[in-house]
PDB file of all heavy atoms in Angstrom:
ATOM      1  N   LEU A   1       0.818  -1.210   0.000  1.00  0.00           N
ATOM      2  CA  LEU A   1       0.000   0.000   0.000  1.00  0.00           C
ATOM      3  C   LEU A   1       0.855   1.265   0.000  1.00  0.00           C
ATOM      4  O   LEU A   1       1.832   1.362   0.748  1.00  0.00           O
ATOM      5  CB  LEU A   1      -0.931   0.000   1.211  1.00  0.00           C
ATOM      6  CG  LEU A   1      -2.138  -0.937   1.112  1.00  0.00           C
ATOM      7  CD1 LEU A   1      -2.808  -1.088   2.467  1.00  0.00           C
ATOM      8  CD2 LEU A   1      -3.130  -0.427   0.080  1.00  0.00           C
ATOM      9  N   THR A   2       0.490   2.190  -0.831  1.00  0.00           N
ATOM     10  CA  THR A   2       1.108   3.513  -1.045  1.00  0.00           C
ATOM     11  C   THR A   2       2.450   3.427  -1.769  1.00  0.00           C
ATOM     12  O   THR A   2       3.071   4.456  -2.034  1.00  0.00           O
ATOM     13  CB  THR A   2       1.322   4.306   0.273  1.00  0.00           C
ATOM     14  OG1 THR A   2       2.479   3.820   0.966  1.00  0.00           O
ATOM     15  CG2 THR A   2       0.106   4.253   1.159  1.00  0.00           C
ATOM     16  N   LYS A   3       2.899   2.233  -2.118  1.00  0.00           N
ATOM     17  CA  LYS A   3       4.197   2.086  -2.774  1.00  0.00           C
ATOM     18  C   LYS A   3       4.020   1.922  -4.285  1.00  0.00           C
ATOM     19  O   LYS A   3       2.900   1.833  -4.804  1.00  0.00           O
ATOM     20  CB  LYS A   3       4.944   0.885  -2.191  1.00  0.00           C
ATOM     21  CG  LYS A   3       5.208   1.018  -0.703  1.00  0.00           C
ATOM     22  CD  LYS A   3       5.895  -0.220  -0.145  1.00  0.00           C
ATOM     23  CE  LYS A   3       6.083  -0.105   1.357  1.00  0.00           C
ATOM     24  NZ  LYS A   3       6.695  -1.307   1.957  1.00  0.00           N
ATOM     25  N   MET A   4       5.122   1.841  -5.005  1.00  0.00           N
ATOM     26  CA  MET A   4       5.103   1.795  -6.466  1.00  0.00           C
ATOM     27  C   MET A   4       4.305   0.610  -6.997  1.00  0.00           C
ATOM     28  O   MET A   4       3.593   0.726  -8.000  1.00  0.00           O
ATOM     29  CB  MET A   4       6.541   1.739  -7.013  1.00  0.00           C
ATOM     30  CG  MET A   4       6.617   1.727  -8.531  1.00  0.00           C
ATOM     31  SD  MET A   4       8.320   1.684  -9.127  1.00  0.00           S
ATOM     32  CE  MET A   4       8.923   3.269  -8.513  1.00  0.00           C
ATOM     33  N   PHE A   5       4.436  -0.550  -6.344  1.00  0.00           N
ATOM     34  CA  PHE A   5       3.777  -1.748  -6.846  1.00  0.00           C
ATOM     35  C   PHE A   5       2.528  -2.100  -6.037  1.00  0.00           C
ATOM     36  O   PHE A   5       2.181  -3.265  -5.869  1.00  0.00           O
ATOM     37  CB  PHE A   5       4.758  -2.923  -6.857  1.00  0.00           C
ATOM     38  CG  PHE A   5       5.945  -2.698  -7.757  1.00  0.00           C
ATOM     39  CD1 PHE A   5       7.193  -2.409  -7.218  1.00  0.00           C
ATOM     40  CD2 PHE A   5       5.802  -2.721  -9.137  1.00  0.00           C
ATOM     41  CE1 PHE A   5       8.293  -2.179  -8.041  1.00  0.00           C
ATOM     42  CE2 PHE A   5       6.886  -2.494  -9.971  1.00  0.00           C
ATOM     43  CZ  PHE A   5       8.132  -2.217  -9.426  1.00  0.00           C
ATOM     44  N   GLU A   6       1.846  -1.077  -5.536  1.00  0.00           N
ATOM     45  CA  GLU A   6       0.597  -1.300  -4.795  1.00  0.00           C
ATOM     46  C   GLU A   6      -0.378  -2.108  -5.641  1.00  0.00           C
ATOM     47  O   GLU A   6      -0.541  -1.872  -6.844  1.00  0.00           O
ATOM     48  CB  GLU A   6      -0.035   0.040  -4.417  1.00  0.00           C
ATOM     49  CG  GLU A   6      -1.387  -0.092  -3.746  1.00  0.00           C
ATOM     50  CD  GLU A   6      -1.968   1.244  -3.322  1.00  0.00           C
ATOM     51  OE1 GLU A   6      -1.180   2.187  -3.071  1.00  0.00           O
ATOM     52  OE2 GLU A   6      -3.203   1.346  -3.237  1.00  0.00           O
ATOM     53  N   GLU A   7      -1.050  -3.044  -4.973  1.00  0.00           N
ATOM     54  CA  GLU A   7      -1.965  -3.929  -5.705  1.00  0.00           C
ATOM     55  C   GLU A   7      -3.096  -4.358  -4.788  1.00  0.00           C
ATOM     56  O   GLU A   7      -2.889  -4.636  -3.606  1.00  0.00           O
ATOM     57  CB  GLU A   7      -1.199  -5.164  -6.191  1.00  0.00           C
ATOM     58  CG  GLU A   7      -2.053  -6.192  -6.918  1.00  0.00           C
ATOM     59  CD  GLU A   7      -1.247  -7.397  -7.357  1.00  0.00           C
ATOM     60  OE1 GLU A   7      -0.346  -7.816  -6.596  1.00  0.00           O
ATOM     61  OE2 GLU A   7      -1.524  -7.941  -8.443  1.00  0.00           O
ATOM     62  N   THR A   8      -4.299  -4.403  -5.325  1.00  0.00           N
ATOM     63  CA  THR A   8      -5.445  -4.946  -4.605  1.00  0.00           C
ATOM     64  C   THR A   8      -6.106  -6.002  -5.476  1.00  0.00           C
ATOM     65  O   THR A   8      -6.416  -5.748  -6.649  1.00  0.00           O
ATOM     66  CB  THR A   8      -6.470  -3.847  -4.252  1.00  0.00           C
ATOM     67  OG1 THR A   8      -5.878  -2.930  -3.318  1.00  0.00           O
ATOM     68  CG2 THR A   8      -7.713  -4.454  -3.615  1.00  0.00           C
ATOM     69  N   VAL A   9      -6.292  -7.172  -4.910  1.00  0.00           N
ATOM     70  CA  VAL A   9      -6.915  -8.279  -5.627  1.00  0.00           C
ATOM     71  C   VAL A   9      -8.226  -8.621  -4.935  1.00  0.00           C
ATOM     72  O   VAL A   9      -8.262  -8.845  -3.719  1.00  0.00           O
ATOM     73  CB  VAL A   9      -5.995  -9.531  -5.637  1.00  0.00           C
ATOM     74  CG1 VAL A   9      -6.668 -10.677  -6.384  1.00  0.00           C
ATOM     75  CG2 VAL A   9      -4.661  -9.190  -6.280  1.00  0.00           C
ATOM     76  N   ARG A  10      -9.305  -8.675  -5.701  1.00  0.00           N
ATOM     77  CA  ARG A  10     -10.627  -8.955  -5.147  1.00  0.00           C
ATOM     78  C   ARG A  10     -11.221 -10.203  -5.795  1.00  0.00           C
ATOM     79  O   ARG A  10     -10.992 -10.456  -6.972  1.00  0.00           O
ATOM     80  CB  ARG A  10     -11.572  -7.768  -5.363  1.00  0.00           C
ATOM     81  CG  ARG A  10     -11.032  -6.443  -4.861  1.00  0.00           C
ATOM     82  CD  ARG A  10     -12.017  -5.308  -5.138  1.00  0.00           C
ATOM     83  NE  ARG A  10     -11.470  -4.007  -4.758  1.00  0.00           N
ATOM     84  CZ  ARG A  10     -10.762  -3.225  -5.549  1.00  0.00           C
ATOM     85  NH1 ARG A  10     -10.495  -3.634  -6.791  1.00  0.00           N
ATOM     86  NH2 ARG A  10     -10.312  -2.070  -5.130  1.00  0.00           N
ATOM     87  N   GLY A  11     -11.983 -10.923  -5.031  1.00  0.00           N
ATOM     88  CA  GLY A  11     -12.628 -12.122  -5.548  1.00  0.00           C
ATOM     89  C   GLY A  11     -12.927 -13.095  -4.434  1.00  0.00           C
ATOM     90  O   GLY A  11     -12.858 -12.750  -3.253  1.00  0.00           O
ATOM     91  N   THR A  12     -13.250 -14.332  -4.761  1.00  0.00           N
ATOM     92  CA  THR A  12     -13.468 -15.341  -3.737  1.00  0.00           C
ATOM     93  C   THR A  12     -12.125 -15.754  -3.148  1.00  0.00           C
ATOM     94  O   THR A  12     -11.068 -15.480  -3.727  1.00  0.00           O
ATOM     95  CB  THR A  12     -14.158 -16.584  -4.321  1.00  0.00           C
ATOM     96  OG1 THR A  12     -13.264 -17.200  -5.271  1.00  0.00           O
ATOM     97  CG2 THR A  12     -15.469 -16.224  -5.021  1.00  0.00           C
ATOM     98  N   VAL A  13     -12.167 -16.443  -2.016  1.00  0.00           N
ATOM     99  CA  VAL A  13     -10.921 -16.922  -1.417  1.00  0.00           C
ATOM    100  C   VAL A  13     -10.164 -17.797  -2.410  1.00  0.00           C
ATOM    101  O   VAL A  13      -8.952 -17.677  -2.576  1.00  0.00           O
ATOM    102  CB  VAL A  13     -11.200 -17.720  -0.119  1.00  0.00           C
ATOM    103  CG1 VAL A  13      -9.884 -18.168   0.510  1.00  0.00           C
ATOM    104  CG2 VAL A  13     -12.000 -16.898   0.871  1.00  0.00           C
ATOM    105  N   GLU A  14     -10.880 -18.654  -3.097  1.00  0.00           N
ATOM    106  CA  GLU A  14     -10.256 -19.555  -4.069  1.00  0.00           C
ATOM    107  C   GLU A  14      -9.624 -18.776  -5.211  1.00  0.00           C
ATOM    108  O   GLU A  14      -8.501 -19.067  -5.644  1.00  0.00           O
ATOM    109  CB  GLU A  14     -11.299 -20.529  -4.619  1.00  0.00           C
ATOM    110  CG  GLU A  14     -10.743 -21.593  -5.550  1.00  0.00           C
ATOM    111  CD  GLU A  14      -9.817 -22.571  -4.835  1.00  0.00           C
ATOM    112  OE1 GLU A  14     -10.219 -23.101  -3.790  1.00  0.00           O
ATOM    113  OE2 GLU A  14      -8.676 -22.765  -5.321  1.00  0.00           O
ATOM    114  N   GLU A  15     -10.324 -17.769  -5.711  1.00  0.00           N
ATOM    115  CA  GLU A  15      -9.797 -16.968  -6.818  1.00  0.00           C
ATOM    116  C   GLU A  15      -8.553 -16.180  -6.411  1.00  0.00           C
ATOM    117  O   GLU A  15      -7.581 -16.096  -7.167  1.00  0.00           O
ATOM    118  CB  GLU A  15     -10.880 -16.011  -7.328  1.00  0.00           C
ATOM    119  CG  GLU A  15     -12.017 -16.711  -8.066  1.00  0.00           C
ATOM    120  CD  GLU A  15     -13.186 -15.793  -8.345  1.00  0.00           C
ATOM    121  OE1 GLU A  15     -13.296 -14.735  -7.680  1.00  0.00           O
ATOM    122  OE2 GLU A  15     -14.010 -16.137  -9.217  1.00  0.00           O
ATOM    123  N   VAL A  16      -8.576 -15.601  -5.215  1.00  0.00           N
ATOM    124  CA  VAL A  16      -7.428 -14.834  -4.741  1.00  0.00           C
ATOM    125  C   VAL A  16      -6.228 -15.747  -4.526  1.00  0.00           C
ATOM    126  O   VAL A  16      -5.093 -15.404  -4.877  1.00  0.00           O
ATOM    127  CB  VAL A  16      -7.785 -14.080  -3.442  1.00  0.00           C
ATOM    128  CG1 VAL A  16      -6.542 -13.427  -2.845  1.00  0.00           C
ATOM    129  CG2 VAL A  16      -8.847 -13.017  -3.721  1.00  0.00           C
ATOM    130  N   LYS A  17      -6.466 -16.916  -3.964  1.00  0.00           N
ATOM    131  CA  LYS A  17      -5.384 -17.887  -3.752  1.00  0.00           C
ATOM    132  C   LYS A  17      -4.770 -18.295  -5.088  1.00  0.00           C
ATOM    133  O   LYS A  17      -3.544 -18.345  -5.240  1.00  0.00           O
ATOM    134  CB  LYS A  17      -5.914 -19.114  -3.019  1.00  0.00           C
ATOM    135  CG  LYS A  17      -4.874 -20.220  -2.826  1.00  0.00           C
ATOM    136  CD  LYS A  17      -5.470 -21.362  -2.016  1.00  0.00           C
ATOM    137  CE  LYS A  17      -4.488 -22.530  -1.936  1.00  0.00           C
ATOM    138  NZ  LYS A  17      -4.287 -23.175  -3.242  1.00  0.00           N
ATOM    139  N   THR A  18      -5.605 -18.575  -6.070  1.00  0.00           N
ATOM    140  CA  THR A  18      -5.123 -18.961  -7.395  1.00  0.00           C
ATOM    141  C   THR A  18      -4.300 -17.832  -8.016  1.00  0.00           C
ATOM    142  O   THR A  18      -3.261 -18.073  -8.641  1.00  0.00           O
ATOM    143  CB  THR A  18      -6.311 -19.303  -8.317  1.00  0.00           C
ATOM    144  OG1 THR A  18      -7.021 -20.414  -7.760  1.00  0.00           O
ATOM    145  CG2 THR A  18      -5.822 -19.679  -9.708  1.00  0.00           C
ATOM    146  N   TYR A  19      -4.750 -16.593  -7.824  1.00  0.00           N
ATOM    147  CA  TYR A  19      -4.032 -15.450  -8.375  1.00  0.00           C
ATOM    148  C   TYR A  19      -2.612 -15.363  -7.811  1.00  0.00           C
ATOM    149  O   TYR A  19      -1.639 -15.206  -8.555  1.00  0.00           O
ATOM    150  CB  TYR A  19      -4.806 -14.163  -8.074  1.00  0.00           C
ATOM    151  CG  TYR A  19      -4.095 -12.906  -8.525  1.00  0.00           C
ATOM    152  CD1 TYR A  19      -4.201 -12.459  -9.838  1.00  0.00           C
ATOM    153  CD2 TYR A  19      -3.304 -12.172  -7.641  1.00  0.00           C
ATOM    154  CE1 TYR A  19      -3.539 -11.313 -10.268  1.00  0.00           C
ATOM    155  CE2 TYR A  19      -2.633 -11.025  -8.058  1.00  0.00           C
ATOM    156  CZ  TYR A  19      -2.763 -10.608  -9.373  1.00  0.00           C
ATOM    157  OH  TYR A  19      -2.095  -9.479  -9.787  1.00  0.00           O
ATOM    158  N   PHE A  20      -2.482 -15.477  -6.495  1.00  0.00           N
ATOM    159  CA  PHE A  20      -1.168 -15.315  -5.876  1.00  0.00           C
ATOM    160  C   PHE A  20      -0.269 -16.542  -6.040  1.00  0.00           C
ATOM    161  O   PHE A  20       0.917 -16.472  -5.720  1.00  0.00           O
ATOM    162  CB  PHE A  20      -1.314 -14.954  -4.398  1.00  0.00           C
ATOM    163  CG  PHE A  20      -1.650 -13.507  -4.190  1.00  0.00           C
ATOM    164  CD1 PHE A  20      -2.874 -13.132  -3.647  1.00  0.00           C
ATOM    165  CD2 PHE A  20      -0.752 -12.508  -4.552  1.00  0.00           C
ATOM    166  CE1 PHE A  20      -3.184 -11.796  -3.472  1.00  0.00           C
ATOM    167  CE2 PHE A  20      -1.053 -11.173  -4.385  1.00  0.00           C
ATOM    168  CZ  PHE A  20      -2.283 -10.809  -3.847  1.00  0.00           C
ATOM    169  N   GLU A  21      -0.811 -17.607  -6.563  1.00  0.00           N
ATOM    170  CA  GLU A  21       0.032 -18.762  -6.880  1.00  0.00           C
ATOM    171  C   GLU A  21       0.925 -18.466  -8.081  1.00  0.00           C
ATOM    172  O   GLU A  21       1.957 -19.111  -8.274  1.00  0.00           O
ATOM    173  CB  GLU A  21      -0.837 -19.990  -7.162  1.00  0.00           C
ATOM    174  CG  GLU A  21      -1.452 -20.589  -5.900  1.00  0.00           C
ATOM    175  CD  GLU A  21      -2.424 -21.724  -6.203  1.00  0.00           C
ATOM    176  OE1 GLU A  21      -2.845 -21.853  -7.382  1.00  0.00           O
ATOM    177  OE2 GLU A  21      -2.766 -22.471  -5.267  1.00  0.00           O
ATOM    178  N   THR A  22       0.546 -17.466  -8.884  1.00  0.00           N
ATOM    179  CA  THR A  22       1.325 -17.139 -10.089  1.00  0.00           C
ATOM    180  C   THR A  22       1.751 -15.670 -10.140  1.00  0.00           C
ATOM    181  O   THR A  22       2.204 -15.191 -11.173  1.00  0.00           O
ATOM    182  CB  THR A  22       0.505 -17.464 -11.355  1.00  0.00           C
ATOM    183  OG1 THR A  22      -0.739 -16.753 -11.314  1.00  0.00           O
ATOM    184  CG2 THR A  22       0.238 -18.960 -11.453  1.00  0.00           C
ATOM    185  N   HIS A  23       1.579 -14.957  -9.019  1.00  0.00           N
ATOM    186  CA  HIS A  23       1.953 -13.547  -8.966  1.00  0.00           C
ATOM    187  C   HIS A  23       2.779 -13.286  -7.713  1.00  0.00           C
ATOM    188  O   HIS A  23       2.762 -14.080  -6.771  1.00  0.00           O
ATOM    189  CB  HIS A  23       0.705 -12.651  -8.981  1.00  0.00           C
ATOM    190  CG  HIS A  23      -0.021 -12.661 -10.292  1.00  0.00           C
ATOM    191  ND1 HIS A  23      -0.840 -13.711 -10.687  1.00  0.00           N
ATOM    192  CD2 HIS A  23      -0.046 -11.757 -11.313  1.00  0.00           C
ATOM    193  CE1 HIS A  23      -1.342 -13.448 -11.884  1.00  0.00           C
ATOM    194  NE2 HIS A  23      -0.871 -12.279 -12.285  1.00  0.00           N
ATOM    195  N   PRO A  24       3.511 -12.170  -7.665  1.00  0.00           N
ATOM    196  CA  PRO A  24       4.393 -11.879  -6.529  1.00  0.00           C
ATOM    197  C   PRO A  24       3.655 -11.827  -5.197  1.00  0.00           C
ATOM    198  O   PRO A  24       2.508 -11.348  -5.125  1.00  0.00           O
ATOM    199  CB  PRO A  24       4.966 -10.502  -6.875  1.00  0.00           C
ATOM    200  CG  PRO A  24       4.862 -10.405  -8.360  1.00  0.00           C
ATOM    201  CD  PRO A  24       3.602 -11.137  -8.714  1.00  0.00           C
ATOM    202  N   VAL A  25       4.291 -12.356  -4.160  1.00  0.00           N
ATOM    203  CA  VAL A  25       3.725 -12.289  -2.812  1.00  0.00           C
ATOM    204  C   VAL A  25       4.679 -11.485  -1.914  1.00  0.00           C
ATOM    205  O   VAL A  25       4.942 -11.837  -0.778  1.00  0.00           O
ATOM    206  CB  VAL A  25       3.469 -13.680  -2.205  1.00  0.00           C
ATOM    207  CG1 VAL A  25       2.311 -14.364  -2.886  1.00  0.00           C
ATOM    208  CG2 VAL A  25       4.727 -14.549  -2.296  1.00  0.00           C
ATOM    209  N   LYS A  26       5.199 -10.400  -2.469  1.00  0.00           N
ATOM    210  CA  LYS A  26       6.113  -9.537  -1.729  1.00  0.00           C
ATOM    211  C   LYS A  26       5.337  -8.436  -1.017  1.00  0.00           C
ATOM    212  O   LYS A  26       4.251  -8.062  -1.428  1.00  0.00           O
ATOM    213  CB  LYS A  26       7.141  -8.914  -2.681  1.00  0.00           C
ATOM    214  CG  LYS A  26       8.050  -9.922  -3.360  1.00  0.00           C
ATOM    215  CD  LYS A  26       9.027  -9.227  -4.296  1.00  0.00           C
ATOM    216  CE  LYS A  26       9.942 -10.227  -4.982  1.00  0.00           C
ATOM    217  NZ  LYS A  26      10.899  -9.570  -5.915  1.00  0.00           N
ATOM    218  N   GLY A  27       5.919  -7.917   0.068  1.00  0.00           N
ATOM    219  CA  GLY A  27       5.313  -6.817   0.796  1.00  0.00           C
ATOM    220  C   GLY A  27       4.386  -7.295   1.897  1.00  0.00           C
ATOM    221  O   GLY A  27       4.085  -8.485   2.008  1.00  0.00           O
ATOM    222  N   GLU A  28       3.937  -6.346   2.700  1.00  0.00           N
ATOM    223  CA  GLU A  28       2.990  -6.666   3.777  1.00  0.00           C
ATOM    224  C   GLU A  28       1.569  -6.676   3.212  1.00  0.00           C
ATOM    225  O   GLU A  28       1.235  -5.861   2.348  1.00  0.00           O
ATOM    226  CB  GLU A  28       3.106  -5.642   4.903  1.00  0.00           C
ATOM    227  CG  GLU A  28       4.467  -5.649   5.589  1.00  0.00           C
ATOM    228  CD  GLU A  28       4.807  -7.005   6.188  1.00  0.00           C
ATOM    229  OE1 GLU A  28       3.952  -7.588   6.876  1.00  0.00           O
ATOM    230  OE2 GLU A  28       5.927  -7.496   5.959  1.00  0.00           O
ATOM    231  N   PHE A  29       0.744  -7.583   3.739  1.00  0.00           N
ATOM    232  CA  PHE A  29      -0.611  -7.771   3.222  1.00  0.00           C
ATOM    233  C   PHE A  29      -1.668  -7.324   4.221  1.00  0.00           C
ATOM    234  O   PHE A  29      -1.533  -7.524   5.428  1.00  0.00           O
ATOM    235  CB  PHE A  29      -0.848  -9.246   2.892  1.00  0.00           C
ATOM    236  CG  PHE A  29      -0.134  -9.730   1.658  1.00  0.00           C
ATOM    237  CD1 PHE A  29       1.226  -9.993   1.688  1.00  0.00           C
ATOM    238  CD2 PHE A  29      -0.822  -9.906   0.467  1.00  0.00           C
ATOM    239  CE1 PHE A  29       1.894 -10.436   0.556  1.00  0.00           C
ATOM    240  CE2 PHE A  29      -0.165 -10.354  -0.679  1.00  0.00           C
ATOM    241  CZ  PHE A  29       1.195 -10.614  -0.630  1.00  0.00           C
ATOM    242  N   VAL A  30      -2.727  -6.727   3.688  1.00  0.00           N
ATOM    243  CA  VAL A  30      -3.921  -6.450   4.470  1.00  0.00           C
ATOM    244  C   VAL A  30      -5.061  -7.217   3.798  1.00  0.00           C
ATOM    245  O   VAL A  30      -5.325  -7.034   2.608  1.00  0.00           O
ATOM    246  CB  VAL A  30      -4.274  -4.955   4.512  1.00  0.00           C
ATOM    247  CG1 VAL A  30      -5.484  -4.731   5.422  1.00  0.00           C
ATOM    248  CG2 VAL A  30      -3.086  -4.133   5.000  1.00  0.00           C
ATOM    249  N   ILE A  31      -5.691  -8.082   4.569  1.00  0.00           N
ATOM    250  CA  ILE A  31      -6.768  -8.915   4.037  1.00  0.00           C
ATOM    251  C   ILE A  31      -8.095  -8.422   4.591  1.00  0.00           C
ATOM    252  O   ILE A  31      -8.286  -8.372   5.808  1.00  0.00           O
ATOM    253  CB  ILE A  31      -6.581 -10.392   4.426  1.00  0.00           C
ATOM    254  CG1 ILE A  31      -5.207 -10.899   3.993  1.00  0.00           C
ATOM    255  CG2 ILE A  31      -7.692 -11.258   3.820  1.00  0.00           C
ATOM    256  CD1 ILE A  31      -4.884 -12.300   4.506  1.00  0.00           C
TER     257      ILE A  31
END
């Protein structure tokens, strides 16, 4: 959040999990 690579992913738990299986999991997360 507030940084260059800020990202928000929305969807079901399954969809979000699938997304992060193939995308960066860097930085602190707010769920």
